[in-house]
Structure formats: structure tokens, C-alpha cells
């Protein structure tokens, strides 16, 4: 993708994100996105077939970046200038959320948050399976793996919602400690 196309996509994502902060997803029209992004209808449809496609790609970009960075322990993203990266991928993930890159906290707590929470949980499933369940499971081996993955991902998402609701008073390290204290015994 060339720079012009990337700039257009960024403008569309930004306009869409701003609109989501103001109103629910179902009430946003493609025309409003086009107007806010200052692009033509043809340009919008050259990048996205529908508003749902735009939502899907926005979520993939937001959560894909955060999830892939949590899987890549060498990725620092400016978080660890002192060189001390956390051992826990959950802590790393929480630190990225705390950075609030691209207003992800706003999206997870907006009127249309259910849509984003579903994508967030789905994105977490692969991470939980590869980094936690496959490597650390020692007990409860009779419980189906997909059940455990769903349980852990859902618990993490609910914890993030609790954290946001409580104005993110806890540090990512504290939350990571709480979360692992609850999750590790089941594995």
C-alpha cells in the first residue's frame, strides 16, 4: 500500500473512531464517515466494501497490533526504555492498553463497546492458547481446551472493563498479579 492509500485509510479510521466516541455504531452512516474523513464515496468503497468491513479492519489493526506485540517479547513500543520488559504477556498487554494508543480505551468503553469487546476477546483467544494454555496447563486436563481459552479470554476482558470503570487506578503489574492469581490455579 502506498503512502497516499495509507493516509486515506488513516483518515477513515480516525473519522470512524471519532464518530464512535459520539454515537453508537448502528447510528453511524457511511456518509458521515466520508464527510468526517473528507474523502469521496468512491474512495471509501475502494478501501472498504461496507461499514462492517471498516469495523472489522479497524479492530484487526488495533487488537492485532496489541496482541502481536504481547507475543513478541522483543517489541518495546517505548514502554520499556529502562530495558525491563515484563515477564507476563498479560502485563505487557495491559501496559499497551494503558498507553491508550489510538484511543482503544475509548472504544472499549463507548456506547458500541460490545462490538469491540467481542473482537478483543476473539483476538485474545489465540494469544491465550499459544502463550498460556498450551505451555502451562498442568491440572484440570479433563476440561476442554476451548472452554479454558474462552474462560481466560473472557475473564481478561471483564477485568479490563472493571479497570476502565474504576479509572485505571491499578498499575498493569498489579492487575497482572490479580489476574494470574485467579487464572493459574485452574491450569
N, C-alpha and C. Protein backbone atom coordinates (compact mmCIF):
# COMPACT_ATOMS: atom_id res chain seq x y z
N UNK A 1 0.84 -1.17 0.00
CA UNK A 1 0.00 0.00 0.00
C UNK A 1 0.90 1.25 0.00
N UNK A 2 0.61 2.17 -0.91
CA UNK A 2 1.44 3.38 -0.97
C UNK A 2 1.03 4.37 0.12
N UNK A 3 1.82 5.43 0.26
CA UNK A 3 1.59 6.40 1.34
C UNK A 3 0.23 7.11 1.22
N UNK A 4 -0.18 7.40 0.00
CA UNK A 4 -1.46 8.07 -0.20
C UNK A 4 -2.61 7.18 0.27
N UNK A 5 -2.55 5.92 -0.09
CA UNK A 5 -3.59 4.98 0.34
C UNK A 5 -3.58 4.83 1.87
N UNK A 6 -2.39 4.76 2.45
CA UNK A 6 -2.29 4.63 3.89
C UNK A 6 -2.84 5.88 4.59
N UNK A 7 -2.56 7.03 4.03
CA UNK A 7 -3.06 8.28 4.59
C UNK A 7 -4.60 8.32 4.55
N UNK A 8 -5.16 7.86 3.44
CA UNK A 8 -6.62 7.81 3.30
C UNK A 8 -7.23 6.85 4.33
N UNK A 9 -6.65 5.66 4.46
CA UNK A 9 -7.14 4.69 5.44
C UNK A 9 -7.07 5.25 6.85
N UNK A 10 -5.98 5.92 7.16
CA UNK A 10 -5.80 6.52 8.48
C UNK A 10 -6.87 7.58 8.73
N UNK A 11 -7.17 8.39 7.71
CA UNK A 11 -8.22 9.41 7.84
C UNK A 11 -9.58 8.76 8.07
N UNK A 12 -9.86 7.69 7.37
CA UNK A 12 -11.14 6.99 7.53
C UNK A 12 -11.22 6.36 8.91
N UNK A 13 -10.16 5.68 9.35
CA UNK A 13 -10.13 5.10 10.69
C UNK A 13 -10.33 6.17 11.76
N UNK A 14 -9.64 7.27 11.61
CA UNK A 14 -9.72 8.36 12.58
C UNK A 14 -11.14 8.94 12.64
N UNK A 15 -11.73 9.18 11.47
CA UNK A 15 -13.09 9.71 11.42
C UNK A 15 -14.08 8.73 12.06
N UNK A 16 -13.93 7.48 11.74
CA UNK A 16 -14.80 6.44 12.27
C UNK A 16 -14.67 6.36 13.80
N UNK A 17 -13.45 6.38 14.29
CA UNK A 17 -13.20 6.32 15.73
C UNK A 17 -13.82 7.52 16.44
N UNK A 18 -13.67 8.70 15.84
CA UNK A 18 -14.27 9.92 16.43
C UNK A 18 -15.79 9.82 16.47
N UNK A 19 -16.37 9.32 15.40
CA UNK A 19 -17.83 9.17 15.37
C UNK A 19 -18.30 8.15 16.41
N UNK A 20 -17.53 7.08 16.59
CA UNK A 20 -17.89 6.07 17.58
C UNK A 20 -17.87 6.62 19.00
N UNK A 21 -17.05 7.61 19.23
CA UNK A 21 -16.98 8.24 20.55
C UNK A 21 -18.22 9.09 20.82
N UNK A 22 -18.90 9.49 19.73
CA UNK A 22 -20.07 10.37 19.85
C UNK A 22 -21.40 9.62 19.83
N UNK A 23 -21.46 8.52 19.09
CA UNK A 23 -22.74 7.83 18.91
C UNK A 23 -22.53 6.35 18.69
N UNK A 24 -23.61 5.60 18.74
CA UNK A 24 -23.50 4.15 18.59
C UNK A 24 -23.19 3.77 17.14
N UNK A 25 -22.56 2.62 17.02
CA UNK A 25 -22.16 2.10 15.72
C UNK A 25 -23.35 2.03 14.76
N UNK A 26 -24.48 1.54 15.24
CA UNK A 26 -25.65 1.37 14.38
C UNK A 26 -26.22 2.67 13.84
N UNK A 27 -25.92 3.78 14.51
CA UNK A 27 -26.45 5.07 14.07
C UNK A 27 -25.48 5.83 13.17
N UNK A 28 -24.30 5.30 12.96
CA UNK A 28 -23.31 5.96 12.10
C UNK A 28 -23.56 5.52 10.66
N UNK A 29 -23.58 6.49 9.75
CA UNK A 29 -23.77 6.17 8.34
C UNK A 29 -22.43 6.27 7.61
N UNK A 30 -22.36 5.60 6.49
CA UNK A 30 -21.15 5.71 5.65
C UNK A 30 -20.95 7.16 5.23
N UNK A 31 -22.04 7.86 4.94
CA UNK A 31 -21.91 9.26 4.54
C UNK A 31 -21.26 10.09 5.64
N UNK A 32 -21.62 9.84 6.88
CA UNK A 32 -20.99 10.58 7.98
C UNK A 32 -19.49 10.29 8.07
N UNK A 33 -19.13 9.05 7.85
CA UNK A 33 -17.70 8.67 7.86
C UNK A 33 -16.98 9.38 6.73
N UNK A 34 -17.57 9.36 5.55
CA UNK A 34 -16.99 10.01 4.37
C UNK A 34 -16.80 11.51 4.63
N UNK A 35 -17.83 12.14 5.16
CA UNK A 35 -17.76 13.58 5.44
C UNK A 35 -16.69 13.89 6.48
N UNK A 36 -16.66 13.10 7.56
CA UNK A 36 -15.69 13.36 8.63
C UNK A 36 -14.25 13.09 8.16
N UNK A 37 -14.08 12.13 7.27
CA UNK A 37 -12.74 11.80 6.76
C UNK A 37 -12.33 12.70 5.60
N UNK A 38 -13.30 13.42 5.06
CA UNK A 38 -13.07 14.29 3.91
C UNK A 38 -12.53 13.51 2.71
N UNK A 39 -13.23 12.40 2.42
CA UNK A 39 -12.90 11.58 1.25
C UNK A 39 -14.18 11.38 0.43
N UNK A 40 -14.02 10.98 -0.78
CA UNK A 40 -15.16 10.72 -1.65
C UNK A 40 -15.73 9.33 -1.41
N UNK A 41 -16.98 9.16 -1.84
CA UNK A 41 -17.66 7.87 -1.69
C UNK A 41 -16.89 6.76 -2.41
N UNK A 42 -16.42 7.05 -3.62
CA UNK A 42 -15.67 6.06 -4.40
C UNK A 42 -14.39 5.68 -3.67
N UNK A 43 -13.74 6.66 -3.07
CA UNK A 43 -12.51 6.40 -2.32
C UNK A 43 -12.79 5.49 -1.13
N UNK A 44 -13.87 5.80 -0.40
CA UNK A 44 -14.23 4.95 0.74
C UNK A 44 -14.43 3.51 0.28
N UNK A 45 -15.23 3.33 -0.78
CA UNK A 45 -15.54 1.98 -1.23
C UNK A 45 -14.36 1.30 -1.92
N UNK A 46 -13.37 2.04 -2.30
CA UNK A 46 -12.14 1.43 -2.83
C UNK A 46 -11.36 0.74 -1.70
N UNK A 47 -11.57 1.22 -0.47
CA UNK A 47 -10.86 0.67 0.68
C UNK A 47 -11.71 -0.32 1.48
N UNK A 48 -13.01 -0.08 1.56
CA UNK A 48 -13.90 -0.90 2.39
C UNK A 48 -15.21 -1.14 1.65
N UNK A 49 -15.67 -2.38 1.63
CA UNK A 49 -16.91 -2.69 0.93
C UNK A 49 -18.13 -2.19 1.70
N UNK A 50 -18.04 -2.27 3.04
CA UNK A 50 -19.16 -1.86 3.88
C UNK A 50 -18.64 -1.23 5.17
N UNK A 51 -19.54 -0.68 5.94
CA UNK A 51 -19.19 -0.14 7.26
C UNK A 51 -18.73 -1.29 8.16
N UNK A 52 -19.33 -2.46 8.02
CA UNK A 52 -18.91 -3.62 8.81
C UNK A 52 -17.48 -4.03 8.49
N UNK A 53 -17.11 -3.95 7.22
CA UNK A 53 -15.72 -4.24 6.83
C UNK A 53 -14.76 -3.24 7.45
N UNK A 54 -15.16 -1.98 7.49
CA UNK A 54 -14.35 -0.95 8.13
C UNK A 54 -14.16 -1.28 9.61
N UNK A 55 -15.24 -1.65 10.28
CA UNK A 55 -15.17 -2.02 11.69
C UNK A 55 -14.22 -3.20 11.90
N UNK A 56 -14.38 -4.21 11.09
CA UNK A 56 -13.54 -5.41 11.21
C UNK A 56 -12.07 -5.06 11.04
N UNK A 57 -11.75 -4.27 10.03
CA UNK A 57 -10.35 -3.92 9.78
C UNK A 57 -9.79 -3.00 10.87
N UNK A 58 -10.62 -2.10 11.38
CA UNK A 58 -10.18 -1.25 12.48
C UNK A 58 -9.83 -2.12 13.69
N UNK A 59 -10.70 -3.06 14.02
CA UNK A 59 -10.45 -3.95 15.15
C UNK A 59 -9.21 -4.81 14.93
N UNK A 60 -9.07 -5.35 13.72
CA UNK A 60 -7.89 -6.16 13.43
C UNK A 60 -6.61 -5.36 13.57
N UNK A 61 -6.65 -4.11 13.13
CA UNK A 61 -5.46 -3.26 13.25
C UNK A 61 -5.16 -2.95 14.72
N UNK A 62 -6.18 -2.53 15.46
CA UNK A 62 -5.99 -2.17 16.87
C UNK A 62 -5.56 -3.36 17.70
N UNK A 63 -6.37 -4.41 17.67
CA UNK A 63 -6.10 -5.55 18.53
C UNK A 63 -4.96 -6.40 17.98
N UNK A 64 -4.83 -6.47 16.68
CA UNK A 64 -3.72 -7.22 16.09
C UNK A 64 -2.39 -6.68 16.52
N UNK A 65 -2.27 -5.36 16.53
CA UNK A 65 -1.01 -4.73 16.94
C UNK A 65 -0.72 -5.03 18.41
N UNK A 66 -1.71 -4.86 19.25
CA UNK A 66 -1.51 -5.08 20.68
C UNK A 66 -1.21 -6.55 20.97
N UNK A 67 -1.97 -7.45 20.37
CA UNK A 67 -1.77 -8.88 20.61
C UNK A 67 -0.42 -9.34 20.08
N UNK A 68 -0.07 -8.93 18.85
CA UNK A 68 1.21 -9.37 18.30
C UNK A 68 2.37 -8.81 19.10
N UNK A 69 2.24 -7.60 19.62
CA UNK A 69 3.32 -7.04 20.44
C UNK A 69 3.44 -7.79 21.76
N UNK A 70 2.33 -8.27 22.30
CA UNK A 70 2.39 -9.05 23.54
C UNK A 70 3.05 -10.39 23.31
N UNK A 71 2.89 -10.94 22.11
CA UNK A 71 3.52 -12.23 21.78
C UNK A 71 5.00 -12.07 21.49
N UNK A 72 5.39 -10.88 21.07
CA UNK A 72 6.78 -10.61 20.72
C UNK A 72 7.45 -9.88 21.89
N UNK A 73 8.15 -10.62 22.70
CA UNK A 73 8.76 -10.03 23.90
C UNK A 73 9.83 -9.00 23.57
N UNK A 74 10.35 -9.00 22.36
CA UNK A 74 11.38 -8.03 22.00
C UNK A 74 10.79 -6.69 21.60
N UNK A 75 9.47 -6.66 21.39
CA UNK A 75 8.78 -5.44 20.98
C UNK A 75 8.65 -4.51 22.19
N UNK A 76 9.16 -3.30 22.11
CA UNK A 76 9.13 -2.42 23.27
C UNK A 76 8.15 -1.28 23.13
N UNK A 77 7.93 -0.76 21.94
CA UNK A 77 6.92 0.27 21.70
C UNK A 77 7.06 1.45 22.66
N UNK A 78 8.28 1.72 23.12
CA UNK A 78 8.50 2.84 24.01
C UNK A 78 8.14 2.58 25.45
N UNK A 79 7.67 1.39 25.75
CA UNK A 79 7.22 1.09 27.12
C UNK A 79 8.38 0.82 28.07
N UNK A 80 9.45 0.26 27.56
CA UNK A 80 10.49 -0.23 28.44
C UNK A 80 11.83 0.44 28.15
N UNK A 81 11.86 1.74 28.26
CA UNK A 81 13.09 2.47 27.98
C UNK A 81 14.19 2.09 28.97
N UNK A 82 13.80 1.59 30.14
CA UNK A 82 14.80 1.17 31.12
C UNK A 82 15.28 -0.25 30.87
N UNK A 83 14.72 -0.91 29.85
CA UNK A 83 15.16 -2.25 29.48
C UNK A 83 14.48 -3.37 30.24
N UNK A 84 13.55 -3.07 31.14
CA UNK A 84 12.89 -4.09 31.94
C UNK A 84 11.51 -4.42 31.38
N UNK A 85 11.47 -5.34 30.46
CA UNK A 85 10.18 -5.79 29.92
C UNK A 85 9.56 -6.79 30.89
N UNK A 86 8.24 -6.80 31.02
CA UNK A 86 7.60 -7.72 31.96
C UNK A 86 7.70 -9.16 31.48
N UNK A 87 7.71 -10.08 32.43
CA UNK A 87 7.75 -11.49 32.08
C UNK A 87 6.39 -11.97 31.58
N UNK A 88 5.34 -11.39 32.08
CA UNK A 88 3.99 -11.83 31.75
C UNK A 88 3.46 -11.14 30.50
N UNK A 89 2.93 -11.95 29.59
CA UNK A 89 2.33 -11.35 28.40
C UNK A 89 1.06 -10.59 28.76
N UNK A 90 0.37 -10.98 29.85
CA UNK A 90 -0.80 -10.25 30.27
C UNK A 90 -0.42 -8.84 30.74
N UNK A 91 0.67 -8.75 31.47
CA UNK A 91 1.15 -7.44 31.93
C UNK A 91 1.53 -6.57 30.73
N UNK A 92 2.21 -7.17 29.77
CA UNK A 92 2.60 -6.45 28.56
C UNK A 92 1.36 -5.92 27.84
N UNK A 93 0.36 -6.76 27.74
CA UNK A 93 -0.89 -6.38 27.10
C UNK A 93 -1.57 -5.22 27.84
N UNK A 94 -1.60 -5.31 29.15
CA UNK A 94 -2.18 -4.25 29.96
C UNK A 94 -1.42 -2.94 29.82
N UNK A 95 -0.12 -3.02 29.70
CA UNK A 95 0.67 -1.80 29.52
C UNK A 95 0.35 -1.13 28.18
N UNK A 96 0.14 -1.94 27.15
CA UNK A 96 -0.26 -1.37 25.86
C UNK A 96 -1.64 -0.73 25.96
N UNK A 97 -2.53 -1.36 26.67
CA UNK A 97 -3.86 -0.77 26.86
C UNK A 97 -3.76 0.54 27.64
N UNK A 98 -2.90 0.55 28.64
CA UNK A 98 -2.73 1.76 29.45
C UNK A 98 -2.21 2.92 28.61
N UNK A 99 -1.36 2.61 27.63
CA UNK A 99 -0.87 3.65 26.72
C UNK A 99 -2.00 4.31 25.96
N UNK A 100 -3.10 3.55 25.77
CA UNK A 100 -4.30 4.04 25.10
C UNK A 100 -4.01 4.49 23.67
N UNK A 101 -3.14 3.78 23.01
CA UNK A 101 -2.81 4.07 21.62
C UNK A 101 -4.08 4.00 20.76
N UNK A 102 -4.28 5.00 19.97
CA UNK A 102 -5.43 5.09 19.06
C UNK A 102 -6.77 5.04 19.81
N UNK A 103 -6.76 5.56 21.03
CA UNK A 103 -7.96 5.67 21.85
C UNK A 103 -8.68 4.34 22.05
N UNK A 104 -7.91 3.28 22.23
CA UNK A 104 -8.52 1.96 22.40
C UNK A 104 -9.38 1.88 23.65
N UNK A 105 -9.01 2.60 24.72
CA UNK A 105 -9.82 2.60 25.94
C UNK A 105 -11.18 3.23 25.66
N UNK A 106 -11.20 4.29 24.87
CA UNK A 106 -12.46 4.92 24.50
C UNK A 106 -13.35 3.98 23.72
N UNK A 107 -12.77 3.20 22.83
CA UNK A 107 -13.56 2.25 22.05
C UNK A 107 -14.08 1.11 22.91
N UNK A 108 -13.28 0.68 23.88
CA UNK A 108 -13.71 -0.42 24.75
C UNK A 108 -14.76 0.03 25.76
N UNK A 109 -14.93 1.34 25.91
CA UNK A 109 -15.92 1.82 26.88
C UNK A 109 -17.00 2.70 26.24
N UNK A 110 -17.04 2.79 24.92
CA UNK A 110 -18.03 3.63 24.24
C UNK A 110 -19.39 2.91 24.18
N UNK A 111 -20.38 3.62 23.64
CA UNK A 111 -21.74 3.07 23.54
C UNK A 111 -21.78 1.78 22.72
N UNK A 112 -20.87 1.66 21.76
CA UNK A 112 -20.82 0.47 20.91
C UNK A 112 -19.77 -0.53 21.38
N UNK A 113 -19.42 -0.49 22.64
CA UNK A 113 -18.30 -1.29 23.14
C UNK A 113 -18.49 -2.79 22.96
N UNK A 114 -19.71 -3.29 22.94
CA UNK A 114 -19.93 -4.73 22.80
C UNK A 114 -19.27 -5.27 21.54
N UNK A 115 -19.32 -4.51 20.47
CA UNK A 115 -18.70 -4.91 19.21
C UNK A 115 -17.20 -5.04 19.39
N UNK A 116 -16.59 -4.04 20.01
CA UNK A 116 -15.14 -4.05 20.20
C UNK A 116 -14.71 -5.11 21.19
N UNK A 117 -15.51 -5.32 22.22
CA UNK A 117 -15.18 -6.33 23.21
C UNK A 117 -15.19 -7.73 22.60
N UNK A 118 -16.12 -7.98 21.69
CA UNK A 118 -16.17 -9.28 21.01
C UNK A 118 -14.90 -9.50 20.17
N UNK A 119 -14.51 -8.47 19.41
CA UNK A 119 -13.28 -8.58 18.62
C UNK A 119 -12.05 -8.72 19.51
N UNK A 120 -12.02 -7.99 20.61
CA UNK A 120 -10.91 -8.06 21.55
C UNK A 120 -10.79 -9.46 22.12
N UNK A 121 -11.90 -10.03 22.56
CA UNK A 121 -11.89 -11.38 23.11
C UNK A 121 -11.45 -12.40 22.06
N UNK A 122 -11.97 -12.27 20.86
CA UNK A 122 -11.57 -13.19 19.78
C UNK A 122 -10.08 -13.08 19.50
N UNK A 123 -9.55 -11.87 19.55
CA UNK A 123 -8.12 -11.67 19.32
C UNK A 123 -7.29 -12.30 20.45
N UNK A 124 -7.82 -12.24 21.65
CA UNK A 124 -7.11 -12.81 22.80
C UNK A 124 -7.04 -14.33 22.76
N UNK A 125 -8.01 -14.98 22.15
CA UNK A 125 -8.06 -16.44 22.17
C UNK A 125 -6.77 -17.08 21.67
N UNK A 126 -6.24 -16.63 20.55
CA UNK A 126 -5.01 -17.21 20.01
C UNK A 126 -3.83 -16.97 20.95
N UNK A 127 -3.78 -15.77 21.49
CA UNK A 127 -2.71 -15.43 22.42
C UNK A 127 -2.78 -16.32 23.66
N UNK A 128 -3.94 -16.47 24.23
CA UNK A 128 -4.11 -17.29 25.43
C UNK A 128 -3.73 -18.74 25.13
N UNK A 129 -4.16 -19.24 24.00
CA UNK A 129 -3.86 -20.63 23.66
C UNK A 129 -2.36 -20.84 23.49
N UNK A 130 -1.72 -20.00 22.71
CA UNK A 130 -0.31 -20.23 22.41
C UNK A 130 0.63 -19.89 23.56
N UNK A 131 0.31 -18.87 24.30
CA UNK A 131 1.24 -18.39 25.32
C UNK A 131 0.94 -18.88 26.73
N UNK A 132 -0.23 -19.43 26.94
CA UNK A 132 -0.59 -19.76 28.31
C UNK A 132 -1.10 -21.18 28.44
N UNK A 133 -2.17 -21.51 27.77
CA UNK A 133 -2.79 -22.83 27.93
C UNK A 133 -1.88 -23.94 27.41
N UNK A 134 -1.34 -23.79 26.21
CA UNK A 134 -0.51 -24.84 25.63
C UNK A 134 0.77 -25.09 26.44
N UNK A 135 1.31 -24.04 27.05
CA UNK A 135 2.59 -24.16 27.72
C UNK A 135 2.48 -24.47 29.21
N UNK A 136 1.42 -24.03 29.87
CA UNK A 136 1.37 -24.09 31.32
C UNK A 136 0.34 -25.04 31.91
N UNK A 137 -0.43 -25.67 31.12
CA UNK A 137 -1.54 -26.46 31.66
C UNK A 137 -1.02 -27.72 32.36
N UNK A 138 -1.32 -27.80 33.66
CA UNK A 138 -0.85 -28.93 34.44
C UNK A 138 -1.99 -29.65 35.16
N UNK A 139 -3.08 -28.93 35.42
CA UNK A 139 -4.22 -29.52 36.12
C UNK A 139 -5.47 -29.37 35.27
N UNK A 140 -6.52 -29.99 35.72
CA UNK A 140 -7.82 -29.92 35.03
C UNK A 140 -7.72 -30.29 33.55
N UNK A 141 -6.92 -31.29 33.26
CA UNK A 141 -6.74 -31.69 31.86
C UNK A 141 -8.00 -32.32 31.26
N UNK A 142 -8.97 -32.63 32.09
CA UNK A 142 -10.23 -33.18 31.58
C UNK A 142 -11.18 -32.09 31.07
N UNK A 143 -10.86 -30.83 31.36
CA UNK A 143 -11.67 -29.71 30.88
C UNK A 143 -11.26 -29.39 29.44
N UNK A 144 -12.22 -29.27 28.52
CA UNK A 144 -11.87 -28.99 27.13
C UNK A 144 -11.04 -27.70 27.00
N UNK A 145 -10.04 -27.77 26.16
CA UNK A 145 -9.13 -26.65 25.97
C UNK A 145 -9.86 -25.40 25.48
N UNK A 146 -10.80 -25.55 24.55
CA UNK A 146 -11.51 -24.38 24.04
C UNK A 146 -12.35 -23.72 25.13
N UNK A 147 -12.84 -24.51 26.10
CA UNK A 147 -13.56 -23.94 27.24
C UNK A 147 -12.62 -23.08 28.09
N UNK A 148 -11.44 -23.60 28.38
CA UNK A 148 -10.47 -22.85 29.18
C UNK A 148 -10.03 -21.57 28.48
N UNK A 149 -9.78 -21.66 27.19
CA UNK A 149 -9.36 -20.48 26.43
C UNK A 149 -10.44 -19.42 26.48
N UNK A 150 -11.68 -19.82 26.25
CA UNK A 150 -12.80 -18.89 26.31
C UNK A 150 -12.93 -18.28 27.71
N UNK A 151 -12.77 -19.09 28.72
CA UNK A 151 -12.88 -18.62 30.10
C UNK A 151 -11.79 -17.60 30.43
N UNK A 152 -10.58 -17.89 30.07
CA UNK A 152 -9.46 -16.99 30.37
C UNK A 152 -9.60 -15.69 29.59
N UNK A 153 -9.90 -15.77 28.30
CA UNK A 153 -10.07 -14.57 27.48
C UNK A 153 -11.22 -13.70 27.99
N UNK A 154 -12.33 -14.34 28.30
CA UNK A 154 -13.49 -13.60 28.81
C UNK A 154 -13.17 -12.94 30.15
N UNK A 155 -12.46 -13.65 31.01
CA UNK A 155 -12.08 -13.09 32.31
C UNK A 155 -11.16 -11.89 32.14
N UNK A 156 -10.24 -11.99 31.19
CA UNK A 156 -9.31 -10.87 30.95
C UNK A 156 -10.08 -9.64 30.47
N UNK A 157 -10.99 -9.85 29.53
CA UNK A 157 -11.79 -8.73 29.00
C UNK A 157 -12.61 -8.10 30.12
N UNK A 158 -13.23 -8.91 30.95
CA UNK A 158 -14.02 -8.38 32.07
C UNK A 158 -13.14 -7.62 33.06
N UNK A 159 -11.93 -8.12 33.28
CA UNK A 159 -11.01 -7.42 34.16
C UNK A 159 -10.65 -6.05 33.58
N UNK A 160 -10.40 -5.99 32.29
CA UNK A 160 -10.08 -4.72 31.63
C UNK A 160 -11.26 -3.75 31.77
N UNK A 161 -12.47 -4.24 31.59
CA UNK A 161 -13.66 -3.38 31.76
C UNK A 161 -13.76 -2.86 33.20
N UNK A 162 -13.49 -3.73 34.16
CA UNK A 162 -13.50 -3.32 35.56
C UNK A 162 -12.45 -2.24 35.81
N UNK A 163 -11.28 -2.44 35.22
CA UNK A 163 -10.17 -1.50 35.35
C UNK A 163 -10.55 -0.13 34.77
N UNK A 164 -11.14 -0.13 33.58
CA UNK A 164 -11.56 1.12 32.94
C UNK A 164 -12.63 1.81 33.78
N UNK A 165 -13.61 1.03 34.23
CA UNK A 165 -14.70 1.58 35.04
C UNK A 165 -14.17 2.24 36.32
N UNK A 166 -13.12 1.68 36.88
CA UNK A 166 -12.53 2.21 38.11
C UNK A 166 -11.39 3.19 37.83
N UNK A 167 -11.42 3.79 36.67
CA UNK A 167 -10.48 4.84 36.25
C UNK A 167 -9.03 4.39 36.24
N UNK A 168 -8.81 3.12 35.99
CA UNK A 168 -7.48 2.55 35.81
C UNK A 168 -6.54 2.90 36.98
N UNK A 169 -7.05 2.75 38.18
CA UNK A 169 -6.28 3.09 39.39
C UNK A 169 -5.11 2.13 39.62
N UNK A 170 -5.28 0.88 39.27
CA UNK A 170 -4.23 -0.11 39.47
C UNK A 170 -3.20 -0.03 38.34
N UNK A 171 -1.99 -0.39 38.66
CA UNK A 171 -0.96 -0.45 37.63
C UNK A 171 -1.15 -1.75 36.83
N UNK A 172 -0.60 -1.80 35.63
CA UNK A 172 -0.65 -3.07 34.89
C UNK A 172 -0.02 -4.23 35.67
N UNK A 173 1.03 -3.96 36.44
CA UNK A 173 1.68 -5.01 37.22
C UNK A 173 0.74 -5.55 38.32
N UNK A 174 0.00 -4.65 38.97
CA UNK A 174 -0.96 -5.09 39.99
C UNK A 174 -2.06 -5.94 39.37
N UNK A 175 -2.61 -5.46 38.26
CA UNK A 175 -3.68 -6.22 37.59
C UNK A 175 -3.19 -7.57 37.11
N UNK A 176 -1.99 -7.60 36.57
CA UNK A 176 -1.40 -8.86 36.12
C UNK A 176 -1.30 -9.83 37.29
N UNK A 177 -0.86 -9.33 38.42
CA UNK A 177 -0.75 -10.17 39.63
C UNK A 177 -2.13 -10.72 40.02
N UNK A 178 -3.15 -9.86 40.05
CA UNK A 178 -4.50 -10.30 40.40
C UNK A 178 -4.99 -11.37 39.42
N UNK A 179 -4.80 -11.08 38.14
CA UNK A 179 -5.32 -11.96 37.11
C UNK A 179 -4.65 -13.33 37.15
N UNK A 180 -3.33 -13.34 37.23
CA UNK A 180 -2.62 -14.62 37.26
C UNK A 180 -2.91 -15.39 38.54
N UNK A 181 -3.15 -14.68 39.67
CA UNK A 181 -3.50 -15.37 40.92
C UNK A 181 -4.82 -16.11 40.79
N UNK A 182 -5.73 -15.61 39.97
CA UNK A 182 -7.02 -16.24 39.77
C UNK A 182 -6.96 -17.32 38.68
N UNK A 183 -6.20 -17.09 37.64
CA UNK A 183 -6.17 -17.98 36.47
C UNK A 183 -5.23 -19.18 36.67
N UNK A 184 -4.06 -18.96 37.21
CA UNK A 184 -3.06 -20.04 37.30
C UNK A 184 -3.53 -21.27 38.04
N UNK A 185 -4.32 -21.14 39.12
CA UNK A 185 -4.78 -22.37 39.80
C UNK A 185 -5.63 -23.30 38.93
N UNK A 186 -6.33 -22.76 37.95
CA UNK A 186 -7.15 -23.64 37.11
C UNK A 186 -6.33 -24.37 36.05
N UNK A 187 -5.09 -23.92 35.86
CA UNK A 187 -4.24 -24.57 34.88
C UNK A 187 -3.26 -25.51 35.53
